[in-house]
């Protein structure tokens, strides 16, 4: 956790608050240390940006969840478009 906080320029308490808000769920090492993925570090950095802009922690977490859902939907749409480039509905 200390290294992740250092990389992001935040405190360990900030990362714990993101865990408490259920935005991050880091893996644990055998020694019980939190291990963050690159993806989780990106989420934490985004949360820091939103908080620095005056967004509440709860609102920042919801915004990040929605941004993530949108990114998945955009990728799914792109994949479906690649599979069906004519735009014809597969049921017709």
PDB file of N, CA and C in Angstrom:
ATOM      1  N   UNK A   1       0.819  -1.189   0.000  1.00  0.00           N
ATOM      2  CA  UNK A   1       0.000   0.000   0.000  1.00  0.00           C
ATOM      3  C   UNK A   1       0.865   1.255   0.000  1.00  0.00           C
ATOM      4  N   UNK A   2       1.929   1.235   0.745  1.00  0.00           N
ATOM      5  CA  UNK A   2       2.797   2.400   0.815  1.00  0.00           C
ATOM      6  C   UNK A   2       3.370   2.772  -0.538  1.00  0.00           C
ATOM      7  N   UNK A   3       3.797   1.771  -1.286  1.00  0.00           N
ATOM      8  CA  UNK A   3       4.356   2.039  -2.620  1.00  0.00           C
ATOM      9  C   UNK A   3       3.287   2.577  -3.561  1.00  0.00           C
ATOM     10  N   UNK A   4       2.079   2.004  -3.503  1.00  0.00           N
ATOM     11  CA  UNK A   4       0.978   2.479  -4.348  1.00  0.00           C
ATOM     12  C   UNK A   4       0.653   3.932  -4.010  1.00  0.00           C
ATOM     13  N   UNK A   5       0.615   4.254  -2.721  1.00  0.00           N
ATOM     14  CA  UNK A   5       0.335   5.624  -2.305  1.00  0.00           C
ATOM     15  C   UNK A   5       1.423   6.566  -2.810  1.00  0.00           C
ATOM     16  N   UNK A   6       2.658   6.116  -2.732  1.00  0.00           N
ATOM     17  CA  UNK A   6       3.786   6.925  -3.205  1.00  0.00           C
ATOM     18  C   UNK A   6       3.685   7.177  -4.703  1.00  0.00           C
ATOM     19  N   UNK A   7       3.387   6.136  -5.467  1.00  0.00           N
ATOM     20  CA  UNK A   7       3.263   6.257  -6.927  1.00  0.00           C
ATOM     21  C   UNK A   7       2.195   7.281  -7.285  1.00  0.00           C
ATOM     22  N   UNK A   8       1.075   7.248  -6.557  1.00  0.00           N
ATOM     23  CA  UNK A   8      -0.056   8.121  -6.865  1.00  0.00           C
ATOM     24  C   UNK A   8       0.050   9.504  -6.217  1.00  0.00           C
ATOM     25  N   UNK A   9       0.944   9.648  -5.262  1.00  0.00           N
ATOM     26  CA  UNK A   9       1.048  10.914  -4.547  1.00  0.00           C
ATOM     27  C   UNK A   9      -0.108  11.139  -3.599  1.00  0.00           C
ATOM     28  N   UNK A  10      -0.583  10.044  -3.005  1.00  0.00           N
ATOM     29  CA  UNK A  10      -1.693  10.108  -2.045  1.00  0.00           C
ATOM     30  C   UNK A  10      -1.254   9.436  -0.754  1.00  0.00           C
ATOM     31  N   UNK A  11      -2.106   9.471   0.241  1.00  0.00           N
ATOM     32  CA  UNK A  11      -1.802   8.803   1.505  1.00  0.00           C
ATOM     33  C   UNK A  11      -2.372   7.390   1.511  1.00  0.00           C
ATOM     34  N   UNK A  12      -1.846   6.574   2.392  1.00  0.00           N
ATOM     35  CA  UNK A  12      -2.387   5.225   2.568  1.00  0.00           C
ATOM     36  C   UNK A  12      -3.830   5.322   3.044  1.00  0.00           C
ATOM     37  N   UNK A  13      -4.134   6.334   3.852  1.00  0.00           N
ATOM     38  CA  UNK A  13      -5.504   6.517   4.338  1.00  0.00           C
ATOM     39  C   UNK A  13      -6.467   6.761   3.170  1.00  0.00           C
ATOM     40  N   UNK A  14      -6.005   7.480   2.159  1.00  0.00           N
ATOM     41  CA  UNK A  14      -6.842   7.712   0.981  1.00  0.00           C
ATOM     42  C   UNK A  14      -7.158   6.389   0.291  1.00  0.00           C
ATOM     43  N   UNK A  15      -6.149   5.550   0.112  1.00  0.00           N
ATOM     44  CA  UNK A  15      -6.383   4.253  -0.517  1.00  0.00           C
ATOM     45  C   UNK A  15      -7.316   3.387   0.335  1.00  0.00           C
ATOM     46  N   UNK A  16      -7.162   3.445   1.653  1.00  0.00           N
ATOM     47  CA  UNK A  16      -8.076   2.692   2.524  1.00  0.00           C
ATOM     48  C   UNK A  16      -9.502   3.212   2.378  1.00  0.00           C
ATOM     49  N   UNK A  17      -9.656   4.528   2.208  1.00  0.00           N
ATOM     50  CA  UNK A  17     -11.002   5.094   2.054  1.00  0.00           C
ATOM     51  C   UNK A  17     -11.646   4.609   0.758  1.00  0.00           C
ATOM     52  N   UNK A  18     -10.849   4.417  -0.286  1.00  0.00           N
ATOM     53  CA  UNK A  18     -11.392   3.888  -1.540  1.00  0.00           C
ATOM     54  C   UNK A  18     -11.804   2.430  -1.370  1.00  0.00           C
ATOM     55  N   UNK A  19     -11.084   1.709  -0.545  1.00  0.00           N
ATOM     56  CA  UNK A  19     -11.467   0.338  -0.232  1.00  0.00           C
ATOM     57  C   UNK A  19     -12.754   0.306   0.571  1.00  0.00           C
ATOM     58  N   UNK A  20     -12.868   1.200   1.550  1.00  0.00           N
ATOM     59  CA  UNK A  20     -14.078   1.266   2.367  1.00  0.00           C
ATOM     60  C   UNK A  20     -15.289   1.658   1.522  1.00  0.00           C
ATOM     61  N   UNK A  21     -15.058   2.483   0.499  1.00  0.00           N
ATOM     62  CA  UNK A  21     -16.139   2.905  -0.398  1.00  0.00           C
ATOM     63  C   UNK A  21     -16.425   1.843  -1.465  1.00  0.00           C
ATOM     64  N   UNK A  22     -15.664   0.743  -1.424  1.00  0.00           N
ATOM     65  CA  UNK A  22     -15.816  -0.390  -2.334  1.00  0.00           C
ATOM     66  C   UNK A  22     -15.481  -0.059  -3.791  1.00  0.00           C
ATOM     67  N   UNK A  23     -14.652   0.972  -3.979  1.00  0.00           N
ATOM     68  CA  UNK A  23     -14.171   1.265  -5.330  1.00  0.00           C
ATOM     69  C   UNK A  23     -13.010   0.334  -5.665  1.00  0.00           C
ATOM     70  N   UNK A  24     -12.172   0.059  -4.670  1.00  0.00           N
ATOM     71  CA  UNK A  24     -11.023  -0.817  -4.851  1.00  0.00           C
ATOM     72  C   UNK A  24     -11.137  -2.014  -3.914  1.00  0.00           C
ATOM     73  N   UNK A  25     -10.732  -3.157  -4.421  1.00  0.00           N
ATOM     74  CA  UNK A  25     -10.662  -4.374  -3.603  1.00  0.00           C
ATOM     75  C   UNK A  25      -9.325  -5.042  -3.909  1.00  0.00           C
ATOM     76  N   UNK A  26      -8.241  -4.523  -3.314  1.00  0.00           N
ATOM     77  CA  UNK A  26      -6.918  -5.057  -3.632  1.00  0.00           C
ATOM     78  C   UNK A  26      -6.752  -6.494  -3.143  1.00  0.00           C
ATOM     79  N   UNK A  27      -5.887  -7.211  -3.847  1.00  0.00           N
ATOM     80  CA  UNK A  27      -5.510  -8.556  -3.398  1.00  0.00           C
ATOM     81  C   UNK A  27      -4.643  -8.395  -2.154  1.00  0.00           C
ATOM     82  N   UNK A  28      -4.490  -9.470  -1.412  1.00  0.00           N
ATOM     83  CA  UNK A  28      -3.625  -9.447  -0.223  1.00  0.00           C
ATOM     84  C   UNK A  28      -2.472 -10.422  -0.409  1.00  0.00           C
ATOM     85  N   UNK A  29      -1.304  -9.983   0.012  1.00  0.00           N
ATOM     86  CA  UNK A  29      -0.138 -10.868  -0.015  1.00  0.00           C
ATOM     87  C   UNK A  29      -0.254 -11.850   1.147  1.00  0.00           C
ATOM     88  N   UNK A  30       0.634 -12.837   1.184  1.00  0.00           N
ATOM     89  CA  UNK A  30       0.624 -13.792   2.293  1.00  0.00           C
ATOM     90  C   UNK A  30       0.828 -13.088   3.627  1.00  0.00           C
ATOM     91  N   UNK A  31       1.549 -11.980   3.596  1.00  0.00           N
ATOM     92  CA  UNK A  31       1.794 -11.212   4.812  1.00  0.00           C
ATOM     93  C   UNK A  31       0.677 -10.236   5.149  1.00  0.00           C
ATOM     94  N   UNK A  32      -0.378 -10.216   4.318  1.00  0.00           N
ATOM     95  CA  UNK A  32      -1.519  -9.346   4.585  1.00  0.00           C
ATOM     96  C   UNK A  32      -1.426  -7.967   3.961  1.00  0.00           C
ATOM     97  N   UNK A  33      -0.378  -7.731   3.177  1.00  0.00           N
ATOM     98  CA  UNK A  33      -0.224  -6.418   2.542  1.00  0.00           C
ATOM     99  C   UNK A  33      -1.148  -6.299   1.338  1.00  0.00           C
ATOM    100  N   UNK A  34      -1.700  -5.102   1.152  1.00  0.00           N
ATOM    101  CA  UNK A  34      -2.568  -4.855   0.007  1.00  0.00           C
ATOM    102  C   UNK A  34      -1.740  -4.773  -1.267  1.00  0.00           C
ATOM    103  N   UNK A  35      -2.226  -5.415  -2.325  1.00  0.00           N
ATOM    104  CA  UNK A  35      -1.567  -5.396  -3.625  1.00  0.00           C
ATOM    105  C   UNK A  35      -2.550  -4.847  -4.643  1.00  0.00           C
ATOM    106  N   UNK A  36      -2.184  -3.723  -5.258  1.00  0.00           N
ATOM    107  CA  UNK A  36      -3.061  -3.059  -6.216  1.00  0.00           C
ATOM    108  C   UNK A  36      -2.636  -3.370  -7.645  1.00  0.00           C
ATOM    109  N   UNK A  37      -3.602  -3.625  -8.512  1.00  0.00           N
ATOM    110  CA  UNK A  37      -3.327  -3.825  -9.929  1.00  0.00           C
ATOM    111  C   UNK A  37      -3.132  -2.461 -10.594  1.00  0.00           C
ATOM    112  N   UNK A  38      -2.605  -2.485 -11.804  1.00  0.00           N
ATOM    113  CA  UNK A  38      -2.471  -1.226 -12.559  1.00  0.00           C
ATOM    114  C   UNK A  38      -3.840  -0.585 -12.777  1.00  0.00           C
ATOM    115  N   UNK A  39      -4.823  -1.421 -13.045  1.00  0.00           N
ATOM    116  CA  UNK A  39      -6.191  -0.926 -13.241  1.00  0.00           C
ATOM    117  C   UNK A  39      -6.683  -0.223 -11.976  1.00  0.00           C
ATOM    118  N   UNK A  40      -6.451  -0.824 -10.824  1.00  0.00           N
ATOM    119  CA  UNK A  40      -6.882  -0.214  -9.567  1.00  0.00           C
ATOM    120  C   UNK A  40      -6.138   1.094  -9.308  1.00  0.00           C
ATOM    121  N   UNK A  41      -4.881   1.144  -9.689  1.00  0.00           N
ATOM    122  CA  UNK A  41      -4.125   2.391  -9.536  1.00  0.00           C
ATOM    123  C   UNK A  41      -4.702   3.484 -10.432  1.00  0.00           C
ATOM    124  N   UNK A  42      -5.137   3.109 -11.644  1.00  0.00           N
ATOM    125  CA  UNK A  42      -5.780   4.099 -12.526  1.00  0.00           C
ATOM    126  C   UNK A  42      -7.086   4.597 -11.914  1.00  0.00           C
ATOM    127  N   UNK A  43      -7.866   3.696 -11.319  1.00  0.00           N
ATOM    128  CA  UNK A  43      -9.111   4.113 -10.664  1.00  0.00           C
ATOM    129  C   UNK A  43      -8.823   5.062  -9.504  1.00  0.00           C
ATOM    130  N   UNK A  44      -7.821   4.738  -8.720  1.00  0.00           N
ATOM    131  CA  UNK A  44      -7.464   5.585  -7.583  1.00  0.00           C
ATOM    132  C   UNK A  44      -7.011   6.965  -8.045  1.00  0.00           C
ATOM    133  N   UNK A  45      -6.230   7.006  -9.129  1.00  0.00           N
ATOM    134  CA  UNK A  45      -5.780   8.298  -9.671  1.00  0.00           C
ATOM    135  C   UNK A  45      -6.976   9.103 -10.155  1.00  0.00           C
ATOM    136  N   UNK A  46      -7.926   8.458 -10.808  1.00  0.00           N
ATOM    137  CA  UNK A  46      -9.133   9.153 -11.281  1.00  0.00           C
ATOM    138  C   UNK A  46      -9.933   9.682 -10.097  1.00  0.00           C
ATOM    139  N   UNK A  47     -10.044   8.877  -9.047  1.00  0.00           N
ATOM    140  CA  UNK A  47     -10.758   9.321  -7.844  1.00  0.00           C
ATOM    141  C   UNK A  47     -10.083  10.554  -7.255  1.00  0.00           C
ATOM    142  N   UNK A  48      -8.763  10.548  -7.214  1.00  0.00           N
ATOM    143  CA  UNK A  48      -8.023  11.701  -6.685  1.00  0.00           C
ATOM    144  C   UNK A  48      -8.315  12.948  -7.520  1.00  0.00           C
ATOM    145  N   UNK A  49      -8.338  12.791  -8.853  1.00  0.00           N
ATOM    146  CA  UNK A  49      -8.644  13.923  -9.734  1.00  0.00           C
ATOM    147  C   UNK A  49     -10.019  14.501  -9.410  1.00  0.00           C
ATOM    148  N   UNK A  50     -10.999  13.615  -9.289  1.00  0.00           N
ATOM    149  CA  UNK A  50     -12.367  14.078  -9.023  1.00  0.00           C
ATOM    150  C   UNK A  50     -12.474  14.749  -7.663  1.00  0.00           C
ATOM    151  N   UNK A  51     -11.822  14.179  -6.659  1.00  0.00           N
ATOM    152  CA  UNK A  51     -11.856  14.784  -5.328  1.00  0.00           C
ATOM    153  C   UNK A  51     -11.171  16.144  -5.334  1.00  0.00           C
ATOM    154  N   UNK A  52     -10.073  16.251  -6.079  1.00  0.00           N
ATOM    155  CA  UNK A  52      -9.371  17.538  -6.182  1.00  0.00           C
ATOM    156  C   UNK A  52     -10.235  18.603  -6.846  1.00  0.00           C
ATOM    157  N   UNK A  53     -11.204  18.163  -7.666  1.00  0.00           N
ATOM    158  CA  UNK A  53     -12.127  19.086  -8.328  1.00  0.00           C
ATOM    159  C   UNK A  53     -13.328  19.424  -7.441  1.00  0.00           C
ATOM    160  N   UNK A  54     -13.352  18.862  -6.231  1.00  0.00           N
ATOM    161  CA  UNK A  54     -14.434  19.177  -5.302  1.00  0.00           C
ATOM    162  C   UNK A  54     -15.564  18.169  -5.272  1.00  0.00           C
ATOM    163  N   UNK A  55     -15.405  17.058  -5.947  1.00  0.00           N
ATOM    164  CA  UNK A  55     -16.428  16.015  -5.954  1.00  0.00           C
ATOM    165  C   UNK A  55     -16.333  15.214  -4.668  1.00  0.00           C
ATOM    166  N   UNK A  56     -17.461  14.849  -4.103  1.00  0.00           N
ATOM    167  CA  UNK A  56     -17.449  14.033  -2.889  1.00  0.00           C
ATOM    168  C   UNK A  56     -16.950  12.631  -3.219  1.00  0.00           C
ATOM    169  N   UNK A  57     -16.478  11.914  -2.211  1.00  0.00           N
ATOM    170  CA  UNK A  57     -15.980  10.558  -2.424  1.00  0.00           C
ATOM    171  C   UNK A  57     -17.073   9.656  -2.985  1.00  0.00           C
ATOM    172  N   UNK A  58     -18.260   9.736  -2.426  1.00  0.00           N
ATOM    173  CA  UNK A  58     -19.375   8.907  -2.904  1.00  0.00           C
ATOM    174  C   UNK A  58     -19.684   9.203  -4.368  1.00  0.00           C
ATOM    175  N   UNK A  59     -19.753  10.482  -4.729  1.00  0.00           N
ATOM    176  CA  UNK A  59     -20.046  10.860  -6.113  1.00  0.00           C
ATOM    177  C   UNK A  59     -18.896  10.444  -7.037  1.00  0.00           C
ATOM    178  N   UNK A  60     -17.663  10.605  -6.584  1.00  0.00           N
ATOM    179  CA  UNK A  60     -16.510  10.221  -7.396  1.00  0.00           C
ATOM    180  C   UNK A  60     -16.541   8.723  -7.695  1.00  0.00           C
ATOM    181  N   UNK A  61     -16.860   7.923  -6.704  1.00  0.00           N
ATOM    182  CA  UNK A  61     -16.935   6.470  -6.915  1.00  0.00           C
ATOM    183  C   UNK A  61     -18.023   6.127  -7.922  1.00  0.00           C
ATOM    184  N   UNK A  62     -19.156   6.791  -7.825  1.00  0.00           N
ATOM    185  CA  UNK A  62     -20.247   6.522  -8.767  1.00  0.00           C
ATOM    186  C   UNK A  62     -19.866   6.952 -10.179  1.00  0.00           C
ATOM    187  N   UNK A  63     -19.228   8.102 -10.309  1.00  0.00           N
ATOM    188  CA  UNK A  63     -18.779   8.579 -11.622  1.00  0.00           C
ATOM    189  C   UNK A  63     -17.819   7.575 -12.235  1.00  0.00           C
ATOM    190  N   UNK A  64     -16.870   7.091 -11.451  1.00  0.00           N
ATOM    191  CA  UNK A  64     -15.881   6.139 -11.954  1.00  0.00           C
ATOM    192  C   UNK A  64     -16.556   4.836 -12.368  1.00  0.00           C
ATOM    193  N   UNK A  65     -17.505   4.368 -11.577  1.00  0.00           N
ATOM    194  CA  UNK A  65     -18.248   3.153 -11.946  1.00  0.00           C
ATOM    195  C   UNK A  65     -18.978   3.340 -13.266  1.00  0.00           C
ATOM    196  N   UNK A  66     -19.614   4.485 -13.437  1.00  0.00           N
ATOM    197  CA  UNK A  66     -20.344   4.756 -14.681  1.00  0.00           C
ATOM    198  C   UNK A  66     -19.398   4.906 -15.865  1.00  0.00           C
ATOM    199  N   UNK A  67     -18.253   5.561 -15.657  1.00  0.00           N
ATOM    200  CA  UNK A  67     -17.264   5.683 -16.732  1.00  0.00           C
ATOM    201  C   UNK A  67     -16.776   4.300 -17.150  1.00  0.00           C
ATOM    202  N   UNK A  68     -16.574   3.434 -16.174  1.00  0.00           N
ATOM    203  CA  UNK A  68     -16.107   2.081 -16.463  1.00  0.00           C
ATOM    204  C   UNK A  68     -17.168   1.301 -17.238  1.00  0.00           C
ATOM    205  N   UNK A  69     -18.424   1.405 -16.819  1.00  0.00           N
ATOM    206  CA  UNK A  69     -19.516   0.732 -17.525  1.00  0.00           C
ATOM    207  C   UNK A  69     -19.635   1.247 -18.955  1.00  0.00           C
ATOM    208  N   UNK A  70     -19.492   2.555 -19.143  1.00  0.00           N
ATOM    209  CA  UNK A  70     -19.555   3.138 -20.479  1.00  0.00           C
ATOM    210  C   UNK A  70     -18.424   2.610 -21.354  1.00  0.00           C
ATOM    211  N   UNK A  71     -17.221   2.521 -20.806  1.00  0.00           N
ATOM    212  CA  UNK A  71     -16.088   2.008 -21.581  1.00  0.00           C
ATOM    213  C   UNK A  71     -16.341   0.570 -22.030  1.00  0.00           C
ATOM    214  N   UNK A  72     -16.916  -0.245 -21.159  1.00  0.00           N
ATOM    215  CA  UNK A  72     -17.237  -1.629 -21.515  1.00  0.00           C
ATOM    216  C   UNK A  72     -18.297  -1.647 -22.614  1.00  0.00           C
ATOM    217  N   UNK A  73     -19.320  -0.813 -22.499  1.00  0.00           N
ATOM    218  CA  UNK A  73     -20.390  -0.764 -23.506  1.00  0.00           C
ATOM    219  C   UNK A  73     -19.855  -0.297 -24.855  1.00  0.00           C
ATOM    220  N   UNK A  74     -18.973   0.683 -24.844  1.00  0.00           N
ATOM    221  CA  UNK A  74     -18.379   1.180 -26.095  1.00  0.00           C
ATOM    222  C   UNK A  74     -17.563   0.079 -26.754  1.00  0.00           C
ATOM    223  N   UNK A  75     -16.789  -0.648 -25.969  1.00  0.00           N
ATOM    224  CA  UNK A  75     -15.987  -1.745 -26.520  1.00  0.00           C
ATOM    225  C   UNK A  75     -16.881  -2.855 -27.060  1.00  0.00           C
ATOM    226  N   UNK A  76     -17.950  -3.188 -26.356  1.00  0.00           N
ATOM    227  CA  UNK A  76     -18.888  -4.207 -26.828  1.00  0.00           C
ATOM    228  C   UNK A  76     -19.532  -3.763 -28.138  1.00  0.00           C
ATOM    229  N   UNK A  77     -19.927  -2.507 -28.203  1.00  0.00           N
ATOM    230  CA  UNK A  77     -20.519  -1.970 -29.426  1.00  0.00           C
ATOM    231  C   UNK A  77     -19.531  -2.046 -30.594  1.00  0.00           C
ATOM    232  N   UNK A  78     -18.274  -1.704 -30.339  1.00  0.00           N
ATOM    233  CA  UNK A  78     -17.249  -1.772 -31.382  1.00  0.00           C
ATOM    234  C   UNK A  78     -17.058  -3.211 -31.845  1.00  0.00           C
ATOM    235  N   UNK A  79     -17.060  -4.149 -30.915  1.00  0.00           N
ATOM    236  CA  UNK A  79     -16.900  -5.565 -31.271  1.00  0.00           C
ATOM    237  C   UNK A  79     -18.082  -6.046 -32.111  1.00  0.00           C
ATOM    238  N   UNK A  80     -19.286  -5.676 -31.716  1.00  0.00           N
ATOM    239  CA  UNK A  80     -20.471  -6.072 -32.484  1.00  0.00           C
ATOM    240  C   UNK A  80     -20.462  -5.445 -33.876  1.00  0.00           C
ATOM    241  N   UNK A  81     -19.974  -4.221 -33.980  1.00  0.00           N
ATOM    242  CA  UNK A  81     -19.873  -3.554 -35.282  1.00  0.00           C
ATOM    243  C   UNK A  81     -18.857  -4.261 -36.167  1.00  0.00           C
ATOM    244  N   UNK A  82     -17.749  -4.710 -35.576  1.00  0.00           N
ATOM    245  CA  UNK A  82     -16.742  -5.454 -36.347  1.00  0.00           C
ATOM    246  C   UNK A  82     -17.317  -6.787 -36.839  1.00  0.00           C
ATOM    247  N   UNK A  83     -18.150  -7.415 -36.029  1.00  0.00           N
ATOM    248  CA  UNK A  83     -18.743  -8.701 -36.402  1.00  0.00           C
ATOM    249  C   UNK A  83     -19.825  -8.540 -37.468  1.00  0.00           C
ATOM    250  N   UNK A  84     -20.465  -7.373 -37.499  1.00  0.00           N
ATOM    251  CA  UNK A  84     -21.571  -7.133 -38.421  1.00  0.00           C
ATOM    252  C   UNK A  84     -21.376  -5.764 -39.076  1.00  0.00           C
ATOM    253  N   UNK A  85     -20.406  -5.619 -39.963  1.00  0.00           N
ATOM    254  CA  UNK A  85     -20.070  -4.306 -40.530  1.00  0.00           C
ATOM    255  C   UNK A  85     -21.153  -3.697 -41.415  1.00  0.00           C
ATOM    256  N   UNK A  86     -22.097  -4.482 -41.879  1.00  0.00           N
ATOM    257  CA  UNK A  86     -23.151  -3.930 -42.762  1.00  0.00           C
ATOM    258  C   UNK A  86     -24.188  -3.149 -41.970  1.00  0.00           C
ATOM    259  N   UNK A  87     -24.232  -3.368 -40.670  1.00  0.00           N
ATOM    260  CA  UNK A  87     -25.235  -2.695 -39.863  1.00  0.00           C
ATOM    261  C   UNK A  87     -26.581  -3.362 -39.869  1.00  0.00           C
ATOM    262  N   UNK A  88     -26.720  -4.454 -40.622  1.00  0.00           N
ATOM    263  CA  UNK A  88     -28.004  -5.188 -40.682  1.00  0.00           C
ATOM    264  C   UNK A  88     -28.238  -5.858 -39.343  1.00  0.00           C
ATOM    265  N   UNK A  89     -29.449  -5.824 -38.912  1.00  0.00           N
ATOM    266  CA  UNK A  89     -29.814  -6.477 -37.658  1.00  0.00           C
ATOM    267  C   UNK A  89     -29.738  -7.987 -37.872  1.00  0.00           C
ATOM    268  N   UNK A  90     -29.091  -8.732 -36.980  1.00  0.00           N
ATOM    269  CA  UNK A  90     -28.902 -10.172 -37.196  1.00  0.00           C
ATOM    270  C   UNK A  90     -30.206 -10.974 -37.223  1.00  0.00           C
ATOM    271  N   UNK A  91     -31.307 -10.436 -36.707  1.00  0.00           N
ATOM    272  CA  UNK A  91     -32.585 -11.144 -36.697  1.00  0.00           C
ATOM    273  C   UNK A  91     -33.361 -10.957 -37.977  1.00  0.00           C
ATOM    274  N   UNK A  92     -32.908 -10.096 -38.868  1.00  0.00           N
ATOM    275  CA  UNK A  92     -33.656  -9.813 -40.108  1.00  0.00           C
ATOM    276  C   UNK A  92     -33.000 -10.402 -41.305  1.00  0.00           C
TER     277      UNK A  92
END
